[in-house]
Protein backbone atom coordinates (compact mmCIF):
# COMPACT_ATOMS: atom_id res chain seq x y z
CA GLN A 1 87.01 213.25 -131.04
CA ILE A 2 86.48 211.22 -127.90
CA ALA A 3 84.16 208.26 -128.30
CA ALA A 4 80.81 208.76 -126.60
CA ARG A 5 79.94 206.49 -123.68
CA ILE A 6 77.31 204.00 -124.75
CA PRO A 7 74.96 202.35 -122.22
CA MET A 8 76.00 198.79 -121.44
CA THR A 9 72.45 197.40 -121.63
CA GLU A 10 71.05 196.06 -124.89
CA THR A 11 67.95 194.11 -125.86
CA LYS A 12 68.31 190.58 -124.55
CA ILE A 13 68.98 187.88 -127.09
CA LEU A 14 66.81 184.89 -126.31
CA LYS A 15 69.10 182.05 -127.30
CA THR A 16 72.53 181.12 -128.55
CA SER A 17 73.53 178.30 -130.86
CA PHE A 18 76.26 177.10 -128.49
CA LYS A 19 75.33 174.01 -126.50
CA ASP A 20 78.22 174.60 -124.12
CA ILE A 21 76.79 177.97 -123.00
CA PRO A 22 73.76 177.49 -120.70
CA ASP A 23 71.54 180.44 -119.82
CA SER A 24 73.05 180.44 -116.32
CA HIS A 25 76.59 181.00 -117.61
CA PRO A 26 78.06 184.22 -116.12
CA PHE A 27 79.12 185.45 -119.58
CA ALA A 28 75.92 184.31 -121.32
CA GLU A 29 74.67 187.80 -122.19
CA ASP A 30 78.01 188.86 -123.70
CA ILE A 31 78.18 185.64 -125.70
CA ARG A 32 74.57 185.99 -126.87
CA MET A 33 75.16 189.56 -127.97
CA ALA A 34 78.38 188.68 -129.77
CA ASN A 35 76.77 185.63 -131.38
CA GLN A 36 73.90 187.70 -132.73
CA LYS A 37 76.22 190.36 -134.11
CA LYS A 38 78.83 187.85 -135.34
CA TRP A 39 81.67 189.06 -133.12
CA LEU A 40 82.77 185.56 -132.13
CA MET A 41 85.58 183.09 -132.69
CA PRO A 42 84.07 179.62 -132.04
CA ASN A 43 85.97 176.42 -132.75
CA PRO A 44 85.72 176.10 -136.56
CA GLN A 45 85.83 172.29 -136.36
CA SER A 46 83.22 171.58 -133.67
CA GLY A 47 81.19 174.80 -133.70
CA ALA A 48 81.40 174.89 -129.90
CA PHE A 49 82.28 178.13 -128.17
CA GLU A 50 84.65 176.58 -125.61
CA PRO A 51 84.38 179.49 -123.15
CA GLU A 52 87.41 178.59 -121.04
CA ARG A 53 89.81 177.86 -123.90
CA PRO A 54 92.84 180.20 -123.89
CA VAL A 55 93.09 182.55 -126.87
CA THR A 56 96.32 182.44 -128.88
CA ARG A 57 98.12 185.33 -130.50
CA GLU A 58 97.35 184.16 -134.01
CA GLU A 59 93.64 183.72 -133.19
CA LEU A 60 93.38 187.26 -131.82
CA ILE A 61 95.18 188.73 -134.83
CA ALA A 62 93.10 186.70 -137.30
CA LEU A 63 89.99 188.07 -135.63
CA LEU A 64 91.17 191.67 -135.85
CA ASN A 65 92.39 191.22 -139.42
CA HIS A 66 88.91 190.08 -140.36
CA THR A 67 87.36 193.13 -138.68
CA ALA A 68 89.46 195.23 -141.03
CA SER A 69 87.90 193.42 -144.03
CA HIS A 70 90.92 191.18 -144.63
CA THR A 71 93.16 194.21 -145.15
CA SER A 72 96.35 193.13 -146.89
CA VAL A 73 99.92 194.14 -146.16
CA SER A 74 100.88 197.51 -147.62
CA LYS A 75 102.47 197.10 -151.07
CA ASN A 76 105.29 199.49 -150.18
CA SER A 77 105.95 197.86 -146.80
CA ASP A 78 109.54 197.03 -145.94
CA ILE A 79 108.43 194.96 -142.94
CA ALA A 80 109.30 191.27 -143.24
CA PRO A 81 106.84 188.53 -142.20
CA PHE A 82 107.35 186.86 -138.84
CA ALA A 83 110.04 184.20 -139.17
CA ASP A 84 108.16 181.67 -137.03
CA ALA A 85 104.77 182.13 -138.73
CA ALA A 86 105.53 181.84 -142.44
CA ASP A 87 103.80 178.46 -142.75
CA ARG A 88 100.84 179.22 -140.45
CA PRO A 89 97.30 179.57 -141.92
CA THR A 90 97.23 182.98 -140.23
CA ALA A 91 100.56 184.15 -141.71
CA ASN A 92 99.05 186.95 -143.81
CA GLY A 93 97.05 188.32 -140.89
CA LEU A 94 100.10 188.25 -138.63
CA HIS A 95 102.18 190.03 -141.31
CA TRP A 96 99.38 192.61 -141.69
CA ALA A 97 99.39 193.21 -137.93
CA ARG A 98 103.16 193.59 -137.85
CA ASP A 99 103.04 196.00 -140.79
CA ARG A 100 100.61 198.18 -138.82
CA LYS A 101 102.49 197.98 -135.52
CA ILE A 102 99.60 196.14 -133.86
CA THR A 103 101.91 193.41 -132.58
CA GLU A 104 104.90 195.51 -131.59
CA LEU A 105 103.83 195.44 -127.94
CA LEU A 106 103.79 191.63 -128.00
CA THR A 107 107.24 191.16 -129.47
CA GLY A 108 110.13 193.36 -130.43
CA GLY A 109 111.88 190.85 -132.66
CA ASP A 110 111.22 188.92 -135.86
CA LYS A 111 109.23 186.17 -134.10
CA ILE A 112 105.77 186.26 -132.55
CA ASP A 113 105.29 182.75 -131.11
CA PRO A 114 101.85 182.51 -132.79
CA THR A 115 100.41 179.75 -130.59
CA ALA A 116 101.31 181.49 -127.30
CA THR A 117 98.36 182.58 -125.19
CA VAL A 118 97.42 186.26 -124.89
CA SER A 119 97.41 187.75 -121.40
CA HIS A 120 94.83 190.31 -120.27
CA GLU A 121 97.36 193.15 -120.46
CA GLU A 122 98.57 192.03 -123.89
CA LEU A 123 94.98 192.02 -125.13
CA ALA A 124 94.51 195.57 -123.86
CA ALA A 125 97.72 196.62 -125.62
CA VAL A 126 96.74 195.00 -128.92
CA LEU A 127 93.27 196.59 -128.85
CA PHE A 128 94.88 199.96 -128.09
CA GLN A 129 97.20 199.62 -131.09
CA TYR A 130 94.37 198.37 -133.30
CA ASN A 131 92.26 201.36 -132.31
CA ALA A 132 95.13 203.78 -132.96
CA GLU A 133 96.52 202.28 -136.18
CA VAL A 134 93.45 200.80 -137.92
CA GLN A 135 90.30 202.13 -136.32
CA LEU A 136 91.71 205.66 -136.11
CA THR A 137 89.21 206.79 -133.49
CA GLY A 138 89.77 208.79 -130.33
CA MET A 139 89.15 207.08 -127.00
CA ASN A 140 89.87 208.26 -123.47
CA GLU A 141 93.28 207.73 -121.92
CA ALA A 142 93.98 207.77 -118.20
CA ALA A 143 97.11 208.65 -116.26
CA GLY A 144 96.50 205.99 -113.65
CA SER A 145 94.82 202.61 -113.47
CA ARG A 146 91.44 201.90 -111.91
CA PHE A 147 92.62 198.40 -111.00
CA ARG A 148 94.29 197.78 -107.64
CA ASP A 149 96.52 195.05 -109.10
CA VAL A 150 97.81 197.29 -111.92
CA LEU A 151 99.81 200.01 -110.23
CA GLY A 152 103.15 201.66 -110.90
CA ALA A 153 104.88 201.93 -114.26
CA GLY A 154 104.63 198.46 -115.78
CA THR A 155 105.44 198.10 -119.47
CA LEU A 156 101.82 197.59 -120.53
CA HIS A 157 100.07 199.45 -117.69
CA ARG A 158 99.29 202.44 -119.93
CA TYR A 159 97.11 200.21 -122.09
CA VAL A 160 95.37 198.63 -119.12
CA ALA A 161 94.60 202.15 -117.88
CA TRP A 162 93.18 202.96 -121.33
CA ALA A 163 90.97 199.85 -121.18
CA GLY A 164 89.73 200.91 -117.76
CA ALA A 165 89.07 204.49 -118.83
CA ASN A 166 86.87 203.22 -121.66
CA ASP A 167 85.07 200.52 -119.64
CA ILE A 168 86.72 197.72 -121.62
CA VAL A 169 86.87 195.58 -118.51
CA LEU A 170 86.00 192.08 -117.36
CA ASP A 171 83.95 192.99 -114.28
CA ALA A 172 83.51 195.60 -111.57
CA SER A 173 85.72 193.94 -108.95
CA GLY A 174 88.57 196.40 -109.35
CA VAL A 175 90.94 193.55 -110.27
CA PHE A 176 92.35 193.10 -113.78
CA ASN A 177 94.67 190.08 -113.36
CA PRO A 178 97.04 191.54 -115.98
CA THR A 179 99.22 188.48 -116.58
CA ALA A 180 96.40 185.90 -116.57
CA PRO A 181 95.74 184.19 -119.93
CA THR A 182 92.75 185.53 -121.84
CA ILE A 183 90.10 182.87 -122.39
CA CYS A 184 87.38 182.92 -125.04
CA MET A 185 84.56 184.18 -122.81
CA GLU A 186 86.76 187.03 -121.53
CA LEU A 187 87.73 188.04 -125.05
CA THR A 188 84.03 188.18 -125.91
CA ARG A 189 83.42 190.64 -123.08
CA PHE A 190 86.40 192.76 -124.08
CA ILE A 191 85.15 192.89 -127.68
CA CYS A 192 81.56 193.66 -126.68
CA ARG A 193 82.70 196.48 -124.42
CA TYR A 194 85.03 197.83 -127.09
CA LYS A 195 82.23 197.74 -129.65
CA LEU A 196 79.85 199.56 -127.31
CA GLN A 197 82.41 202.35 -126.94
CA ASN A 198 83.28 202.57 -130.62
CA LEU A 199 80.43 202.84 -133.12
CA LEU A 200 82.80 202.50 -136.07
CA PHE A 201 83.83 198.93 -135.20
CA ALA A 202 82.40 196.80 -138.01
CA ASP A 203 80.45 193.60 -137.41
CA PHE A 204 82.53 190.53 -138.05
CA SER A 205 82.74 186.78 -137.63
CA TYR A 206 85.78 184.61 -136.95
CA VAL A 207 87.67 182.96 -139.79
CA SER A 208 90.72 180.78 -139.31
């Protein structure tokens, strides 16, 4: 079943608890919506949102692991944990993601480089795998990309095309900037758009 298109407008949220997000911020509405519905990953030490801070692989996976209600690694799994993440606070979440093939588009080996930043196209690929392996819901796929800077047969272009077909995009400029690092405010927009296209995505809040 293909997910129904949901209107992008929602009731405006009057304020956010983040002092580093003024009302004039270009992503203010996405951040307000996500803050109200607890779809955020603020800095756990300062409580600030830090909109331009790059998102790391382990932060993204910890967020998605929490959306799945802290789902543990399958008891009959023969998948080993990532060799370079065994001592990380997010080790269980990373192992869970590897067990469910969510990270296989990020790395093909036994290491994930957990503190590496996530590019736009990697985020699209991870969300695609999460939707297919955990969310188990049908969403549109497209043969070609709607973005003029994502053409041809790039390794992750299929997933960027999927993001475009389901309106999981940053803006309407027609540019995706596939290799650019994903920053916190962009991740918020991706998540809000994904949520609006997938009614089964549970509310969540970030935990480290």
